[in-house]
Amino acid sequence: MNRYLEQFIKLRCHEDVMSAVGNINNPSKEITESMAIIKKLKKVKDKENIILVDLCAGNCLTSVIAAHLYNFKKVIAVDIRPPSKDTNFDRVKNFEYRQDYVRTALAMFRRLSAHEKYIFISVHPCRELATTIIKEFNEIDRVFWDSPHSLLLMPCCIIQSVRQEVPTLLQEKLGHYGSWCYYLYSMVSHNNKNMYQDNYIESPCNILVTVNI
């Protein structure tokens, strides 16, 4: 069995998590994606003073797991779609679902960024949404000389024009998806950034771009 699936099943809260998020189209794939993020969040210190924001949250699996496992100050999931009728988010403590545009929500968080500490996560945001998240994060980051905020991004859909932005040699080494992730990585203005591949994620889109984590 996949390591992340096994870890999820062993969680005492896994049935409560699945009850809260409702029906998932491809649970095996999505659980491994979420658990890859959860693994990184485990290392974060001082969680009780940090607000976790799940952008383009979809079924909110990642943020709901995080709300069950960790004592973040608050967990907020943001998505343009209303939650599906089979969700039970009211059962999740310290969790809030916001139906909103990502850019609008991030603009609000930017205004509050001097007073709160945030970790922004996003699992497979589509195309321009990934670049929007990074651009808005850079604006939040610009307020601070040494930004306390963090980002965990798992890119998905690829913008075809990325071929014009990444050197041919890197494209040959990284492939199209890897080149897209590198392009997003290069957009991040913060110095403490990283990019790596997690082969336990059951998806070909298994690269993470991290900032301050």
C-alpha atoms as a PDB file:
ATOM      1  CA  MET A   1       0.000   0.000   0.000  1.00  0.00           C
ATOM      2  CA  ASN A   2       1.103   3.545  -0.710  1.00  0.00           C
ATOM      3  CA  ARG A   3       2.859   5.089   2.313  1.00  0.00           C
ATOM      4  CA  TYR A   4       0.584   8.130   2.455  1.00  0.00           C
ATOM      5  CA  LEU A   5      -2.579   6.047   2.175  1.00  0.00           C
ATOM      6  CA  GLU A   6      -1.377   3.851   4.992  1.00  0.00           C
ATOM      7  CA  GLN A   7      -0.583   6.875   7.163  1.00  0.00           C
ATOM      8  CA  PHE A   8      -4.028   8.352   6.493  1.00  0.00           C
ATOM      9  CA  ILE A   9      -5.883   5.145   7.358  1.00  0.00           C
ATOM     10  CA  LYS A  10      -3.952   4.947  10.630  1.00  0.00           C
ATOM     11  CA  LEU A  11      -5.141   8.396  11.675  1.00  0.00           C
ATOM     12  CA  ARG A  12      -7.774   8.204  14.406  1.00  0.00           C
ATOM     13  CA  CYS A  13      -9.612  11.022  12.712  1.00  0.00           C
ATOM     14  CA  HIS A  14      -9.696   9.589   9.181  1.00  0.00           C
ATOM     15  CA  GLU A  15     -13.378   8.594   9.314  1.00  0.00           C
ATOM     16  CA  ASP A  16     -14.335  12.023  10.672  1.00  0.00           C
ATOM     17  CA  VAL A  17     -12.321  13.648   7.885  1.00  0.00           C
ATOM     18  CA  MET A  18     -14.060  11.645   5.163  1.00  0.00           C
ATOM     19  CA  SER A  19     -17.445  12.372   6.711  1.00  0.00           C
ATOM     20  CA  ALA A  20     -16.701  16.104   6.709  1.00  0.00           C
ATOM     21  CA  VAL A  21     -15.491  16.386   3.101  1.00  0.00           C
ATOM     22  CA  GLY A  22     -18.145  14.126   1.581  1.00  0.00           C
ATOM     23  CA  ASN A  23     -17.763  12.322  -1.721  1.00  0.00           C
ATOM     24  CA  ILE A  24     -14.317  12.423  -3.399  1.00  0.00           C
ATOM     25  CA  ASN A  25     -13.954  11.448  -7.049  1.00  0.00           C
ATOM     26  CA  ASN A  26     -10.519   9.842  -6.739  1.00  0.00           C
ATOM     27  CA  PRO A  27      -9.843   9.349  -3.015  1.00  0.00           C
ATOM     28  CA  SER A  28      -6.583   7.396  -3.363  1.00  0.00           C
ATOM     29  CA  LYS A  29      -4.988  10.107  -5.497  1.00  0.00           C
ATOM     30  CA  GLU A  30      -6.309  13.034  -3.480  1.00  0.00           C
ATOM     31  CA  ILE A  31      -5.393  11.532  -0.112  1.00  0.00           C
ATOM     32  CA  THR A  32      -1.762  11.125  -1.219  1.00  0.00           C
ATOM     33  CA  GLU A  33      -1.704  14.733  -2.436  1.00  0.00           C
ATOM     34  CA  SER A  34      -3.073  15.986   0.861  1.00  0.00           C
ATOM     35  CA  MET A  35      -0.813  13.818   3.014  1.00  0.00           C
ATOM     36  CA  ALA A  36       2.249  15.169   1.184  1.00  0.00           C
ATOM     37  CA  ILE A  37       1.225  18.647   2.361  1.00  0.00           C
ATOM     38  CA  ILE A  38       0.389  17.391   5.859  1.00  0.00           C
ATOM     39  CA  LYS A  39       3.870  15.892   6.093  1.00  0.00           C
ATOM     40  CA  LYS A  40       5.425  19.312   5.464  1.00  0.00           C
ATOM     41  CA  LEU A  41       3.067  21.074   7.882  1.00  0.00           C
ATOM     42  CA  LYS A  42       4.044  18.696  10.681  1.00  0.00           C
ATOM     43  CA  LYS A  43       7.467  20.365  10.829  1.00  0.00           C
ATOM     44  CA  VAL A  44       6.022  23.849  11.334  1.00  0.00           C
ATOM     45  CA  LYS A  45       6.580  25.250  14.820  1.00  0.00           C
ATOM     46  CA  ASP A  46       4.346  27.603  16.806  1.00  0.00           C
ATOM     47  CA  LYS A  47       1.216  26.479  14.938  1.00  0.00           C
ATOM     48  CA  GLU A  48      -1.111  28.003  17.518  1.00  0.00           C
ATOM     49  CA  ASN A  49      -0.044  31.454  16.287  1.00  0.00           C
ATOM     50  CA  ILE A  50      -0.435  30.689  12.565  1.00  0.00           C
ATOM     51  CA  ILE A  51      -3.499  30.856  10.311  1.00  0.00           C
ATOM     52  CA  LEU A  52      -3.541  28.116   7.643  1.00  0.00           C
ATOM     53  CA  VAL A  53      -5.226  29.137   4.382  1.00  0.00           C
ATOM     54  CA  ASP A  54      -6.144  26.507   1.775  1.00  0.00           C
ATOM     55  CA  LEU A  55      -6.513  28.220  -1.624  1.00  0.00           C
ATOM     56  CA  CYS A  56      -8.537  26.652  -4.462  1.00  0.00           C
ATOM     57  CA  ALA A  57      -9.514  24.218  -1.743  1.00  0.00           C
ATOM     58  CA  GLY A  58     -11.960  22.084  -3.747  1.00  0.00           C
ATOM     59  CA  ASN A  59     -13.253  19.396  -1.394  1.00  0.00           C
ATOM     60  CA  CYS A  60     -11.041  20.848   1.395  1.00  0.00           C
ATOM     61  CA  LEU A  61      -9.475  17.469   2.178  1.00  0.00           C
ATOM     62  CA  THR A  62      -6.055  18.945   2.974  1.00  0.00           C
ATOM     63  CA  SER A  63      -7.311  21.718   5.221  1.00  0.00           C
ATOM     64  CA  VAL A  64      -9.794  19.450   7.023  1.00  0.00           C
ATOM     65  CA  ILE A  65      -7.026  16.933   7.814  1.00  0.00           C
ATOM     66  CA  ALA A  66      -4.835  19.790   9.051  1.00  0.00           C
ATOM     67  CA  ALA A  67      -7.661  21.123  11.243  1.00  0.00           C
ATOM     68  CA  HIS A  68      -8.067  17.691  12.838  1.00  0.00           C
ATOM     69  CA  LEU A  69      -4.360  17.042  13.383  1.00  0.00           C
ATOM     70  CA  TYR A  70      -2.793  20.386  14.234  1.00  0.00           C
ATOM     71  CA  ASN A  71      -3.560  23.245  16.589  1.00  0.00           C
ATOM     72  CA  PHE A  72      -3.408  26.100  14.077  1.00  0.00           C
ATOM     73  CA  LYS A  73      -4.862  29.398  15.248  1.00  0.00           C
ATOM     74  CA  LYS A  74      -7.439  28.963  12.497  1.00  0.00           C
ATOM     75  CA  VAL A  75      -7.888  26.975   9.282  1.00  0.00           C
ATOM     76  CA  ILE A  76      -9.582  28.726   6.368  1.00  0.00           C
ATOM     77  CA  ALA A  77     -10.516  27.068   3.067  1.00  0.00           C
ATOM     78  CA  VAL A  78     -11.147  29.324   0.057  1.00  0.00           C
ATOM     79  CA  ASP A  79     -12.842  28.281  -3.182  1.00  0.00           C
ATOM     80  CA  ILE A  80     -15.050  29.994  -5.739  1.00  0.00           C
ATOM     81  CA  ARG A  81     -17.571  27.154  -5.637  1.00  0.00           C
ATOM     82  CA  PRO A  82     -20.089  26.660  -2.825  1.00  0.00           C
ATOM     83  CA  PRO A  83     -19.454  23.548  -0.709  1.00  0.00           C
ATOM     84  CA  SER A  84     -21.228  20.457  -1.995  1.00  0.00           C
ATOM     85  CA  LYS A  85     -24.385  19.304  -0.208  1.00  0.00           C
ATOM     86  CA  ASP A  86     -22.737  16.187   1.244  1.00  0.00           C
ATOM     87  CA  THR A  87     -20.088  18.090   3.208  1.00  0.00           C
ATOM     88  CA  ASN A  88     -20.203  18.493   6.996  1.00  0.00           C
ATOM     89  CA  PHE A  89     -17.728  21.299   7.629  1.00  0.00           C
ATOM     90  CA  ASP A  90     -19.657  22.436  10.696  1.00  0.00           C
ATOM     91  CA  ARG A  91     -18.327  19.348  12.468  1.00  0.00           C
ATOM     92  CA  VAL A  92     -14.720  20.475  12.013  1.00  0.00           C
ATOM     93  CA  LYS A  93     -13.426  22.583  14.881  1.00  0.00           C
ATOM     94  CA  ASN A  94     -11.589  25.829  14.155  1.00  0.00           C
ATOM     95  CA  PHE A  95     -12.423  25.536  10.429  1.00  0.00           C
ATOM     96  CA  GLU A  96     -14.017  28.072   8.105  1.00  0.00           C
ATOM     97  CA  TYR A  97     -15.092  27.720   4.472  1.00  0.00           C
ATOM     98  CA  ARG A  98     -15.096  30.934   2.421  1.00  0.00           C
ATOM     99  CA  GLN A  99     -16.702  31.049  -0.995  1.00  0.00           C
ATOM    100  CA  ASP A 100     -14.603  33.681  -2.704  1.00  0.00           C
ATOM    101  CA  TYR A 101     -12.207  34.400  -5.556  1.00  0.00           C
ATOM    102  CA  VAL A 102      -8.590  33.583  -4.721  1.00  0.00           C
ATOM    103  CA  ARG A 103      -7.345  37.044  -5.719  1.00  0.00           C
ATOM    104  CA  THR A 104     -10.009  38.768  -3.584  1.00  0.00           C
ATOM    105  CA  ALA A 105      -9.268  36.578  -0.575  1.00  0.00           C
ATOM    106  CA  LEU A 106      -5.512  37.092  -0.877  1.00  0.00           C
ATOM    107  CA  ALA A 107      -5.973  40.847  -1.136  1.00  0.00           C
ATOM    108  CA  MET A 108      -7.810  40.732   2.179  1.00  0.00           C
ATOM    109  CA  PHE A 109      -5.105  38.584   3.784  1.00  0.00           C
ATOM    110  CA  ARG A 110      -2.502  41.046   2.487  1.00  0.00           C
ATOM    111  CA  ARG A 111      -4.168  43.833   4.450  1.00  0.00           C
ATOM    112  CA  LEU A 112      -4.016  41.670   7.581  1.00  0.00           C
ATOM    113  CA  SER A 113      -0.531  40.274   6.982  1.00  0.00           C
ATOM    114  CA  ALA A 114       1.170  42.750   9.295  1.00  0.00           C
ATOM    115  CA  HIS A 115      -0.936  41.483  12.202  1.00  0.00           C
ATOM    116  CA  GLU A 116      -1.204  37.742  11.503  1.00  0.00           C
ATOM    117  CA  LYS A 117       1.132  34.955  10.425  1.00  0.00           C
ATOM    118  CA  TYR A 118      -0.077  32.839   7.505  1.00  0.00           C
ATOM    119  CA  ILE A 119       0.735  29.595   5.754  1.00  0.00           C
ATOM    120  CA  PHE A 120      -0.877  29.455   2.315  1.00  0.00           C
ATOM    121  CA  ILE A 121      -1.333  26.031   0.751  1.00  0.00           C
ATOM    122  CA  SER A 122      -2.785  25.044  -2.613  1.00  0.00           C
ATOM    123  CA  VAL A 123      -3.119  21.584  -4.137  1.00  0.00           C
ATOM    124  CA  HIS A 124      -3.304  21.594  -7.943  1.00  0.00           C
ATOM    125  CA  PRO A 125      -4.495  25.137  -8.680  1.00  0.00           C
ATOM    126  CA  CYS A 126      -5.243  25.366 -12.389  1.00  0.00           C
ATOM    127  CA  ARG A 127      -3.181  27.404 -14.840  1.00  0.00           C
ATOM    128  CA  GLU A 128      -3.273  31.147 -14.093  1.00  0.00           C
ATOM    129  CA  LEU A 129      -4.471  30.516 -10.531  1.00  0.00           C
ATOM    130  CA  ALA A 130      -1.002  29.223  -9.639  1.00  0.00           C
ATOM    131  CA  THR A 131       0.658  32.383 -10.949  1.00  0.00           C
ATOM    132  CA  THR A 132      -1.972  34.523  -9.209  1.00  0.00           C
ATOM    133  CA  ILE A 133      -1.230  32.856  -5.877  1.00  0.00           C
ATOM    134  CA  ILE A 134       2.503  33.483  -6.237  1.00  0.00           C
ATOM    135  CA  LYS A 135       2.058  37.098  -7.384  1.00  0.00           C
ATOM    136  CA  GLU A 136      -0.213  37.844  -4.437  1.00  0.00           C
ATOM    137  CA  PHE A 137       2.121  36.019  -2.046  1.00  0.00           C
ATOM    138  CA  ASN A 138       4.991  38.165  -3.335  1.00  0.00           C
ATOM    139  CA  GLU A 139       2.955  41.276  -2.544  1.00  0.00           C
ATOM    140  CA  ILE A 140       2.357  39.994   0.994  1.00  0.00           C
ATOM    141  CA  ASP A 141       6.031  39.079   1.275  1.00  0.00           C
ATOM    142  CA  ARG A 142       7.095  42.539   0.060  1.00  0.00           C
ATOM    143  CA  VAL A 143       5.729  44.153   3.226  1.00  0.00           C
ATOM    144  CA  PHE A 144       8.410  42.436   5.316  1.00  0.00           C
ATOM    145  CA  TRP A 145      12.191  42.455   5.158  1.00  0.00           C
ATOM    146  CA  ASP A 146      12.189  38.901   6.520  1.00  0.00           C
ATOM    147  CA  SER A 147       8.679  37.619   5.826  1.00  0.00           C
ATOM    148  CA  PRO A 148       7.138  35.321   8.452  1.00  0.00           C
ATOM    149  CA  HIS A 149       4.622  33.935   5.961  1.00  0.00           C
ATOM    150  CA  SER A 150       4.910  30.602   4.146  1.00  0.00           C
ATOM    151  CA  LEU A 151       3.665  28.969   0.955  1.00  0.00           C
ATOM    152  CA  LEU A 152       3.155  25.336  -0.065  1.00  0.00           C
ATOM    153  CA  LEU A 153       2.096  24.978  -3.692  1.00  0.00           C
ATOM    154  CA  MET A 154       1.531  21.770  -5.686  1.00  0.00           C
ATOM    155  CA  PRO A 155       1.116  22.949  -9.311  1.00  0.00           C
ATOM    156  CA  CYS A 156      -1.144  21.185 -11.782  1.00  0.00           C
ATOM    157  CA  CYS A 157      -2.328  22.395 -15.187  1.00  0.00           C
ATOM    158  CA  ILE A 158       0.356  23.866 -17.411  1.00  0.00           C
ATOM    159  CA  ILE A 159       0.371  27.143 -19.319  1.00  0.00           C
ATOM    160  CA  GLN A 160       1.733  26.321 -22.775  1.00  0.00           C
ATOM    161  CA  SER A 161       3.619  29.622 -23.090  1.00  0.00           C
ATOM    162  CA  VAL A 162       5.985  28.499 -20.307  1.00  0.00           C
ATOM    163  CA  ARG A 163       8.212  27.128 -23.080  1.00  0.00           C
ATOM    164  CA  GLN A 164       9.103  30.702 -23.936  1.00  0.00           C
ATOM    165  CA  GLU A 165      10.099  31.443 -20.329  1.00  0.00           C
ATOM    166  CA  VAL A 166      12.325  28.463 -19.451  1.00  0.00           C
ATOM    167  CA  PRO A 167      15.654  27.724 -21.204  1.00  0.00           C
ATOM    168  CA  THR A 168      15.532  24.818 -23.659  1.00  0.00           C
ATOM    169  CA  LEU A 169      18.202  22.908 -21.738  1.00  0.00           C
ATOM    170  CA  LEU A 170      16.103  22.967 -18.571  1.00  0.00           C
ATOM    171  CA  GLN A 171      12.997  21.954 -20.499  1.00  0.00           C
ATOM    172  CA  GLU A 172      14.860  18.915 -21.823  1.00  0.00           C
ATOM    173  CA  LYS A 173      15.985  17.984 -18.308  1.00  0.00           C
ATOM    174  CA  LEU A 174      12.778  18.744 -16.439  1.00  0.00           C
ATOM    175  CA  GLY A 175      10.082  17.956 -18.986  1.00  0.00           C
ATOM    176  CA  HIS A 176       7.041  20.134 -19.588  1.00  0.00           C
ATOM    177  CA  TYR A 177       5.499  19.806 -16.117  1.00  0.00           C
ATOM    178  CA  GLY A 178       8.843  20.191 -14.363  1.00  0.00           C
ATOM    179  CA  SER A 179       9.567  23.294 -16.438  1.00  0.00           C
ATOM    180  CA  TRP A 180       6.195  24.760 -15.456  1.00  0.00           C
ATOM    181  CA  CYS A 181       6.986  24.161 -11.783  1.00  0.00           C
ATOM    182  CA  TYR A 182      10.425  25.708 -12.201  1.00  0.00           C
ATOM    183  CA  TYR A 183       8.841  28.752 -13.841  1.00  0.00           C
ATOM    184  CA  LEU A 184       6.543  29.159 -10.827  1.00  0.00           C
ATOM    185  CA  TYR A 185       9.488  28.616  -8.464  1.00  0.00           C
ATOM    186  CA  SER A 186      11.434  31.337 -10.276  1.00  0.00           C
ATOM    187  CA  MET A 187       8.507  33.746  -9.801  1.00  0.00           C
ATOM    188  CA  VAL A 188       8.806  33.598  -6.004  1.00  0.00           C
ATOM    189  CA  SER A 189      10.597  36.674  -4.682  1.00  0.00           C
ATOM    190  CA  HIS A 190      11.504  35.215  -1.271  1.00  0.00           C
ATOM    191  CA  ASN A 191      15.011  33.775  -0.905  1.00  0.00           C
ATOM    192  CA  ASN A 192      14.008  30.845   1.314  1.00  0.00           C
ATOM    193  CA  LYS A 193      12.315  28.782  -1.391  1.00  0.00           C
ATOM    194  CA  ASN A 194      12.593  25.209  -2.612  1.00  0.00           C
ATOM    195  CA  MET A 195      11.201  22.819  -5.200  1.00  0.00           C
ATOM    196  CA  TYR A 196      11.099  19.045  -4.955  1.00  0.00           C
ATOM    197  CA  GLN A 197       9.311  15.967  -6.260  1.00  0.00           C
ATOM    198  CA  ASP A 198       7.351  13.568  -4.043  1.00  0.00           C
ATOM    199  CA  ASN A 199       6.966  10.168  -5.692  1.00  0.00           C
ATOM    200  CA  TYR A 200       4.503   8.933  -3.063  1.00  0.00           C
ATOM    201  CA  ILE A 201       1.885  11.251  -4.565  1.00  0.00           C
ATOM    202  CA  GLU A 202      -0.318   9.174  -6.876  1.00  0.00           C
ATOM    203  CA  SER A 203      -0.360  11.785  -9.617  1.00  0.00           C
ATOM    204  CA  PRO A 204       2.094  12.784 -12.360  1.00  0.00           C
ATOM    205  CA  CYS A 205       1.742  16.334 -11.011  1.00  0.00           C
ATOM    206  CA  ASN A 206       3.783  15.636  -7.888  1.00  0.00           C
ATOM    207  CA  ILE A 207       6.177  18.579  -7.528  1.00  0.00           C
ATOM    208  CA  LEU A 208       5.931  21.009  -4.619  1.00  0.00           C
ATOM    209  CA  VAL A 209       7.119  24.602  -4.536  1.00  0.00           C
ATOM    210  CA  THR A 210       7.731  25.751  -0.969  1.00  0.00           C
ATOM    211  CA  VAL A 211       8.550  29.072   0.668  1.00  0.00           C
ATOM    212  CA  ASN A 212       9.696  29.399   4.283  1.00  0.00           C
ATOM    213  CA  ILE A 213       8.996  25.714   4.988  1.00  0.00           C
END
